[in-house]
Protein backbone atom coordinates (compact mmCIF):
# COMPACT_ATOMS: atom_id res chain seq x y z
CA MET A 1 148.49 70.30 124.77
CA LYS A 2 144.98 70.53 123.35
CA GLU A 3 146.19 68.82 120.19
CA LEU A 4 147.70 66.04 122.33
CA PHE A 5 144.43 65.70 124.27
CA GLU A 6 142.35 65.53 121.10
CA LYS A 7 144.61 62.88 119.59
CA ALA A 8 144.50 60.85 122.81
CA ARG A 9 140.70 60.96 122.92
CA ALA A 10 140.39 59.91 119.28
CA THR A 11 142.87 57.06 119.81
CA SER A 12 141.00 55.84 122.89
CA TYR A 13 137.99 54.86 120.74
CA LYS A 14 140.25 52.74 118.53
CA LEU A 15 142.04 51.16 121.47
CA MET A 16 139.01 50.24 123.56
CA ASN A 17 138.14 47.21 121.40
CA LEU A 18 141.65 46.23 120.37
CA ASN A 19 142.27 42.48 120.21
CA THR A 20 144.09 41.01 123.22
CA LYS A 21 146.65 39.35 120.94
CA VAL A 22 147.61 42.70 119.40
CA LYS A 23 147.96 44.36 122.80
CA ASN A 24 150.15 41.50 124.00
CA GLU A 25 152.34 41.74 120.91
CA ALA A 26 152.88 45.43 121.64
CA LEU A 27 153.80 44.65 125.26
CA ALA A 28 156.24 41.97 124.10
CA ALA A 29 157.83 44.49 121.73
CA ILE A 30 158.20 47.01 124.57
CA ALA A 31 159.95 44.42 126.76
CA ARG A 32 162.25 43.42 123.93
CA LYS A 33 163.23 46.98 123.06
CA LEU A 34 163.93 47.85 126.70
CA ASP A 35 166.47 45.05 126.68
CA GLU A 36 167.94 46.09 123.34
CA HIS A 37 168.29 49.74 124.39
CA ARG A 38 169.47 49.30 127.97
CA GLU A 39 172.78 51.12 127.36
CA LEU A 40 170.93 54.09 125.89
CA ILE A 41 168.55 54.09 128.87
CA LYS A 42 171.46 54.13 131.33
CA THR A 43 173.20 56.89 129.39
CA GLU A 44 170.12 59.13 129.43
CA ASN A 45 169.44 58.27 133.06
CA ALA A 46 173.01 59.26 133.95
CA LYS A 47 172.19 62.80 132.76
CA ASP A 48 169.27 62.94 135.21
CA LEU A 49 171.37 61.50 138.04
CA LYS A 50 174.08 64.10 137.45
CA ALA A 51 171.51 66.90 137.46
CA GLY A 52 169.98 65.41 140.62
CA VAL A 53 173.31 65.54 142.45
CA GLU A 54 173.83 69.14 141.32
CA ALA A 55 170.30 70.03 142.49
CA GLY A 56 170.92 68.42 145.88
CA LEU A 57 168.15 65.80 145.63
CA SER A 58 167.73 63.65 148.74
CA SER A 59 169.10 60.12 148.85
CA SER A 60 165.56 58.70 148.69
CA LEU A 61 164.77 60.67 145.53
CA MET A 62 168.09 59.68 143.95
CA ASP A 63 167.30 56.05 144.75
CA ARG A 64 163.95 56.34 142.98
CA LEU A 65 165.53 58.09 140.01
CA LYS A 66 168.23 55.51 139.27
CA LEU A 67 167.87 53.13 136.30
CA ASP A 68 170.61 50.52 136.47
CA ASP A 69 170.52 47.01 134.98
CA LYS A 70 168.58 45.73 137.99
CA ALA A 71 165.91 48.41 137.51
CA ILE A 72 165.73 47.79 133.77
CA ASN A 73 165.38 44.05 134.39
CA SER A 74 162.53 44.81 136.81
CA MET A 75 160.77 46.92 134.16
CA ILE A 76 161.13 44.16 131.56
CA LYS A 77 159.83 41.59 134.06
CA ALA A 78 156.85 43.79 134.90
CA VAL A 79 155.90 44.29 131.24
CA ASN A 80 156.14 40.55 130.55
CA GLU A 81 154.03 39.73 133.61
CA ILE A 82 151.39 42.24 132.53
CA LYS A 83 151.40 40.68 129.06
CA GLU A 84 150.66 37.24 130.54
CA GLN A 85 147.73 38.43 132.64
CA THR A 86 144.12 37.85 131.68
CA ASP A 87 142.76 40.79 129.70
CA PRO A 88 140.12 42.44 131.92
CA VAL A 89 138.39 44.11 128.96
CA GLY A 90 135.23 42.33 127.92
CA SER A 91 135.06 40.06 130.95
CA VAL A 92 131.47 39.48 132.07
CA VAL A 93 130.74 40.67 135.60
CA ASP A 94 127.12 39.51 135.56
CA GLY A 95 124.48 38.27 133.17
CA TYR A 96 120.77 37.63 133.70
CA LYS A 97 117.39 37.54 132.03
CA ARG A 98 114.54 39.79 133.18
CA PRO A 99 110.93 38.53 133.41
CA ASN A 100 110.05 40.66 130.36
CA GLY A 101 112.61 38.81 128.24
CA LEU A 102 115.38 41.45 128.24
CA TYR A 103 118.81 39.84 128.58
CA ILE A 104 121.27 42.05 130.47
CA THR A 105 125.03 41.61 130.75
CA LYS A 106 127.49 43.74 132.70
CA ILE A 107 131.00 43.77 131.24
CA ARG A 108 134.31 45.46 131.99
CA VAL A 109 135.47 48.22 129.62
CA PRO A 110 138.45 50.65 129.55
CA LEU A 111 138.24 53.97 131.36
CA GLY A 112 139.40 55.73 128.16
CA VAL A 113 142.20 58.26 128.65
CA VAL A 114 144.27 58.02 131.82
CA GLY A 115 146.49 60.90 132.93
CA ILE A 116 149.40 60.08 135.23
CA ILE A 117 151.32 62.87 136.97
CA TYR A 118 154.41 61.67 138.81
CA GLU A 119 157.77 62.65 140.19
CA SER A 120 161.21 61.13 140.27
CA ARG A 121 160.52 57.51 139.33
CA PRO A 122 161.08 56.90 135.59
CA ASN A 123 160.06 53.24 135.96
CA VAL A 124 156.52 54.58 136.42
CA THR A 125 156.67 55.61 132.75
CA ILE A 126 156.90 51.95 131.73
CA ASP A 127 154.64 50.50 134.43
CA ALA A 128 151.83 52.99 133.82
CA ALA A 129 151.97 52.78 130.03
CA ALA A 130 152.01 48.96 130.06
CA LEU A 131 149.06 48.70 132.46
CA CYS A 132 147.07 51.24 130.46
CA LEU A 133 147.80 49.39 127.23
CA LYS A 134 146.76 46.03 128.69
CA SER A 135 143.49 47.52 129.93
CA GLY A 136 142.77 49.26 126.60
CA ASN A 137 143.44 52.79 127.83
CA VAL A 138 145.39 55.63 126.26
CA SER A 139 147.95 57.09 128.68
CA ILE A 140 149.15 60.67 129.04
CA LEU A 141 152.31 60.68 131.16
CA ARG A 142 153.72 63.80 132.74
CA GLY A 143 156.90 63.02 134.69
CA GLY A 144 158.97 65.42 136.75
CA LYS A 145 161.85 67.54 135.50
CA GLU A 146 164.32 65.46 137.52
CA ALA A 147 163.70 62.47 135.17
CA ILE A 148 163.17 64.33 131.90
CA HIS A 149 165.93 62.56 129.92
CA SER A 150 164.98 59.11 131.20
CA ASN A 151 161.28 59.59 130.51
CA ALA A 152 161.86 60.95 127.01
CA CYS A 153 164.09 57.98 126.19
CA LEU A 154 161.57 55.44 127.52
CA GLY A 155 158.78 57.20 125.64
CA LYS A 156 160.63 56.91 122.33
CA ILE A 157 161.36 53.23 122.94
CA MET A 158 157.66 52.58 123.55
CA GLU A 159 156.64 54.58 120.48
CA GLU A 160 158.89 52.36 118.35
CA ALA A 161 157.48 49.19 119.88
CA ILE A 162 153.86 50.28 119.53
CA ALA A 163 154.32 51.30 115.90
CA GLU A 164 156.07 48.00 115.20
CA ALA A 165 153.08 46.11 116.63
CA GLY A 166 150.70 48.02 114.35
CA LEU A 167 148.89 50.02 117.02
CA PRO A 168 147.51 53.48 116.26
CA GLU A 169 149.58 56.57 117.02
CA GLY A 170 148.91 58.22 120.35
CA VAL A 171 148.49 55.14 122.56
CA VAL A 172 151.26 56.38 124.88
CA ASN A 173 151.83 60.12 125.18
CA ILE A 174 154.78 61.67 127.03
CA VAL A 175 154.29 65.31 127.95
CA PRO A 176 157.67 66.79 126.91
CA ASP A 177 157.32 70.02 128.88
CA THR A 178 157.81 69.77 132.66
CA ASP A 179 156.41 73.24 133.35
CA ARG A 180 153.97 73.09 136.30
CA PHE A 181 151.35 74.73 134.08
CA ARG A 182 151.14 71.50 132.06
CA VAL A 183 149.91 69.77 135.19
CA THR A 184 147.15 72.36 135.50
CA GLU A 185 146.20 71.85 131.86
CA MET A 186 145.86 68.12 132.44
CA LEU A 187 143.79 68.66 135.58
CA GLN A 188 141.44 70.92 133.62
CA ALA A 189 141.16 68.72 130.51
CA LYS A 190 137.59 67.67 131.19
CA GLY A 191 136.11 65.83 128.24
CA TYR A 192 139.53 64.61 127.12
CA ILE A 193 141.03 62.86 130.17
CA ASP A 194 138.79 60.48 132.12
CA ILE A 195 140.85 60.02 135.27
CA ILE A 196 143.99 61.52 136.82
CA ILE A 197 146.42 59.52 138.96
CA PRO A 198 149.04 61.64 140.75
CA ARG A 199 152.11 59.95 142.27
CA GLY A 200 154.51 62.01 144.28
CA GLY A 201 154.97 64.06 147.42
CA ALA A 202 152.31 65.65 149.57
CA GLY A 203 152.66 68.95 147.71
CA LEU A 204 151.86 67.41 144.33
CA ILE A 205 148.89 65.46 145.70
CA LYS A 206 147.50 68.57 147.41
CA PHE A 207 147.92 70.67 144.26
CA CYS A 208 146.14 68.08 142.11
CA ASP A 209 143.36 67.63 144.65
CA GLU A 210 142.67 71.36 144.82
CA ASN A 211 142.89 72.11 141.09
CA THR A 212 141.29 69.19 139.28
CA CYS A 213 137.90 69.06 137.60
CA ILE A 214 138.52 65.40 136.68
CA PRO A 215 138.10 62.39 138.99
CA LEU A 216 141.31 61.76 140.91
CA VAL A 217 142.75 58.54 142.33
CA LYS A 218 145.22 59.53 145.03
CA HIS A 219 148.46 57.70 145.71
CA ASP A 220 148.74 59.52 149.03
CA ASN A 221 151.05 59.42 152.05
CA GLY A 222 152.37 56.13 153.35
CA ILE A 223 152.24 56.45 157.14
CA CYS A 224 152.49 52.72 157.84
CA HIS A 225 152.66 50.95 161.21
CA VAL A 226 153.99 47.65 162.51
CA TYR A 227 152.32 46.52 165.74
CA VAL A 228 154.28 44.04 167.87
CA ASP A 229 151.60 42.19 169.84
CA LYS A 230 151.99 40.68 173.31
CA ASP A 231 151.91 37.24 171.68
CA ALA A 232 154.58 38.07 169.09
CA ASP A 233 157.55 35.87 168.32
CA ILE A 234 160.32 38.35 169.18
CA GLU A 235 162.82 37.08 166.60
CA LYS A 236 160.16 37.22 163.90
CA ALA A 237 159.13 40.70 165.05
CA LEU A 238 162.71 41.99 164.91
CA LYS A 239 163.23 40.63 161.41
CA ILE A 240 159.96 42.04 160.04
CA ALA A 241 160.16 45.44 161.77
CA ARG A 242 163.72 45.99 160.55
CA ASN A 243 162.82 45.01 156.99
CA ALA A 244 159.73 47.22 156.96
CA LYS A 245 161.84 50.25 157.87
CA VAL A 246 165.39 49.91 156.56
CA GLN A 247 165.17 47.70 153.45
CA ARG A 248 164.13 50.74 151.40
CA PRO A 249 163.15 53.65 153.65
CA GLY A 250 162.31 56.14 150.90
CA VAL A 251 159.19 54.36 149.60
CA CYS A 252 155.54 54.66 150.57
CA ASN A 253 155.16 51.13 151.99
CA ALA A 254 158.06 51.50 154.44
CA ALA A 255 157.03 51.54 158.10
CA GLU A 256 157.19 54.90 159.85
CA THR A 257 155.95 53.92 163.33
CA LEU A 258 156.36 50.86 165.55
CA LEU A 259 153.69 50.14 168.14
CA VAL A 260 154.89 47.73 170.84
CA HIS A 261 152.74 46.02 173.48
CA GLU A 262 153.99 46.78 177.00
CA ASP A 263 154.26 43.06 177.85
CA VAL A 264 157.04 42.53 175.25
CA ALA A 265 158.59 46.01 175.22
CA GLY A 266 161.39 44.97 177.60
CA ALA A 267 162.39 42.09 175.36
CA PHE A 268 161.80 43.72 171.98
CA LEU A 269 162.99 47.33 172.24
CA PRO A 270 166.63 46.84 173.35
CA SER A 271 167.02 44.11 170.72
CA PHE A 272 165.51 46.31 168.00
CA VAL A 273 167.87 49.17 168.85
CA GLU A 274 170.81 46.75 168.76
CA CYS A 275 169.86 45.02 165.49
CA THR A 276 169.39 48.36 163.67
CA SER A 277 172.48 50.03 165.13
CA LYS A 278 174.50 49.37 161.96
CA ASP A 279 171.73 50.69 159.69
CA GLY A 280 172.11 54.30 160.78
CA LEU A 281 168.49 54.33 161.93
CA GLU A 282 167.37 57.28 164.02
CA ILE A 283 164.79 56.19 166.62
CA ARG A 284 162.33 58.51 168.31
CA GLY A 285 160.32 57.10 171.20
CA CYS A 286 157.38 57.98 173.41
CA GLU A 287 157.87 58.53 177.14
CA ARG A 288 157.35 54.84 177.91
CA THR A 289 159.80 53.82 175.18
CA LEU A 290 162.47 56.02 176.81
CA SER A 291 162.19 53.94 179.99
CA PHE A 292 163.41 50.88 178.03
CA VAL A 293 165.96 52.34 175.62
CA ASP A 294 168.05 55.50 175.23
CA VAL A 295 166.63 57.15 172.10
CA LYS A 296 165.40 60.59 171.06
CA PRO A 297 162.02 61.66 172.47
CA ALA A 298 159.13 61.61 170.01
CA THR A 299 156.71 64.51 169.58
CA GLU A 300 153.08 64.59 168.50
CA GLU A 301 154.24 65.58 165.02
CA ASP A 302 156.22 62.34 164.68
CA TRP A 303 153.05 60.24 164.71
CA ARG A 304 151.73 62.03 161.63
CA THR A 305 155.02 62.24 159.68
CA GLU A 306 156.01 60.21 156.62
CA TYR A 307 159.79 60.32 157.04
CA LEU A 308 160.82 58.54 153.81
CA ASP A 309 164.18 58.28 155.52
CA LEU A 310 166.08 56.23 158.09
CA ILE A 311 163.94 57.52 160.95
CA ILE A 312 161.27 55.65 162.90
CA SER A 313 159.01 56.55 165.80
CA ILE A 314 158.06 54.05 168.53
CA LYS A 315 155.11 54.03 170.91
CA VAL A 316 154.53 51.53 173.72
CA VAL A 317 150.84 50.63 174.08
CA SER A 318 148.86 48.82 176.76
CA SER A 319 146.55 46.88 174.43
CA MET A 320 145.73 46.07 170.84
CA GLU A 321 142.79 48.44 171.11
CA GLU A 322 145.16 51.29 171.94
CA ALA A 323 147.31 50.32 168.93
CA LEU A 324 144.27 50.30 166.63
CA VAL A 325 143.07 53.68 167.90
CA HIS A 326 146.53 55.10 167.14
CA ILE A 327 146.63 53.49 163.67
CA ASN A 328 143.17 54.66 162.66
CA ARG A 329 143.92 58.17 163.93
CA TYR A 330 147.37 58.71 162.42
CA GLY A 331 147.63 56.17 159.60
CA SER A 332 147.14 57.18 155.98
CA GLY A 333 145.15 54.09 154.99
CA HIS A 334 148.14 52.56 153.19
CA SER A 335 149.65 49.50 154.96
CA GLU A 336 149.43 48.14 158.50
CA ALA A 337 150.98 45.01 160.03
CA ILE A 338 150.62 42.95 163.19
CA ILE A 339 153.22 40.52 164.49
CA THR A 340 151.52 37.85 166.60
CA GLU A 341 151.23 34.10 167.10
CA ASN A 342 147.63 34.48 168.31
CA TYR A 343 145.17 33.72 165.50
CA THR A 344 142.26 35.45 167.23
CA SER A 345 144.31 38.62 167.71
CA ALA A 346 145.43 38.48 164.08
CA ARG A 347 141.84 38.25 162.82
CA TYR A 348 140.71 41.04 165.17
CA PHE A 349 143.47 43.35 163.92
CA MET A 350 142.88 42.47 160.26
CA ASP A 351 139.19 43.34 160.54
CA ARG A 352 139.69 46.64 162.37
CA ALA A 353 142.82 48.27 160.93
CA ASP A 354 141.58 50.73 158.28
CA ALA A 355 144.04 50.42 155.39
CA SER A 356 144.32 49.31 151.78
CA ALA A 357 146.36 46.27 152.92
CA VAL A 358 146.75 44.66 156.34
CA PHE A 359 149.48 42.09 157.02
CA VAL A 360 149.94 39.37 159.62
CA ASN A 361 153.55 38.39 160.31
CA ALA A 362 154.77 40.00 157.10
CA SER A 363 156.49 43.27 156.20
CA THR A 364 154.50 46.27 154.94
CA ARG A 365 157.00 46.35 152.07
CA PHE A 366 154.89 43.70 150.33
CA ASN A 367 152.11 46.20 149.53
CA ASP A 368 153.18 46.45 145.91
CA GLY A 369 151.59 45.59 142.59
CA GLY A 370 154.41 43.30 141.54
CA GLU A 371 154.39 41.44 144.86
CA PHE A 372 150.61 41.05 144.66
CA GLY A 373 150.87 39.45 141.23
CA LEU A 374 149.67 42.48 139.24
CA GLY A 375 152.92 42.70 137.27
CA ALA A 376 153.27 46.34 138.28
CA GLU A 377 151.09 49.08 139.66
CA ILE A 378 149.95 52.43 138.42
CA GLY A 379 149.81 53.55 142.04
CA ILE A 380 148.59 52.45 145.46
CA SER A 381 145.24 54.07 146.08
CA THR A 382 144.71 55.15 149.68
CA GLN A 383 141.15 56.28 149.04
CA LYS A 384 138.06 54.09 148.84
CA LEU A 385 136.54 55.00 145.45
CA HIS A 386 136.75 53.60 142.82
CA CYS A 387 139.58 51.33 143.90
CA ARG A 388 141.87 50.79 146.87
CA GLY A 389 145.37 49.40 147.18
CA PRO A 390 147.78 48.57 144.33
CA MET A 391 146.13 49.43 141.02
CA GLY A 392 146.66 46.94 138.22
CA ALA A 393 145.06 46.57 134.79
CA PHE A 394 141.74 45.45 136.29
CA ASP A 395 141.47 48.70 138.27
CA LEU A 396 141.87 50.72 135.07
CA THR A 397 138.53 49.44 133.80
CA THR A 398 134.95 50.31 134.59
CA THR A 399 131.68 48.58 133.72
CA LYS A 400 129.06 48.87 131.03
CA TYR A 401 125.64 47.27 130.74
CA GLN A 402 124.73 45.62 127.43
CA VAL A 403 121.00 45.01 127.05
CA TYR A 404 119.53 42.65 124.42
CA GLY A 405 115.89 42.95 123.45
CA ASP A 406 113.56 41.88 120.66
CA GLY A 407 111.32 44.81 119.93
CA HIS A 408 110.89 45.62 123.61
CA ILE A 409 109.20 48.91 124.57
CA ARG A 410 108.42 50.21 128.03
CA GLU A 411 104.77 50.59 128.87
């Protein structure tokens, strides 16, 4: 691993000033080779899917693990979109002249070496590598054992594409060993890795948080809420709430709790139960919810649980303030939504819900790098430093001051 770290660090100095055209040619080659090798990708992925079934992986994990033609097309689309984006490296943030004649510019530069630790989702291998390449960063990718064949295959495809484009060796590095100790080595690789981005379950995030000596950007829990306001359009609310929960329940931007204003609870709740009856959705409700519909009673633990499954909790509230207090107490800072036709209420909620993304009359499922026009995401940061929300190429850069003088000395 130390040899891998040393090579990555050395390569990062070559990559940081690489011409945009060359980076884009490498991204184009990656997209092309993904298309050319799609049968190989599906064959290797089938090995992981078979092992997943034998290991008893949950349906949500199996869904994340699968690489079919649709998933491969999505990866190709993401790489091509990243290629077409403006290169953030070298962009001028500010420029000014001091009274003493010094001219100062502040520009964006790569972070250097980015370590990504993730579980289950082999598409992250492509998304993360492509975003790091676009932003001039070397990537070290350590996927989980459940996707070992898929990740190794995707890594080899990218190696071929990068070499074909004339980039230096070591731009993308796949950690071949899925031993947990390799995660610890990455977390302790101070001086080699500049930032660590973990993506996975609460256990992985907690382990990384407690064992790192490197700055960490956390892709943490997704305890997301949809608040149905007293001025909501009920049909719109039903459509959005259902989509936010059942369209893909095993992902971090799926809603886990519905908050419903008491004035519309009688109209909304029976209709919501009816419209989700064919989805196999398990509903757990507060005491007031139970007076409107026959569902399972919710407990205090439900409000703080990320189900990642076809389960949702519902709480009836007396006001938007009560909804916001609940959100800011139990939410994970990921995604929050309000359904309302009242502009003033929408603005009030947007300003006071503490999350990386807040939606008005739209599903929380849109909190996604691709949907936000980033091409893909390296994660959705739920913390506030140094970035928040879906992380694209821009968020994988930092700043540097460049100061021009003419014999200046400080008195």
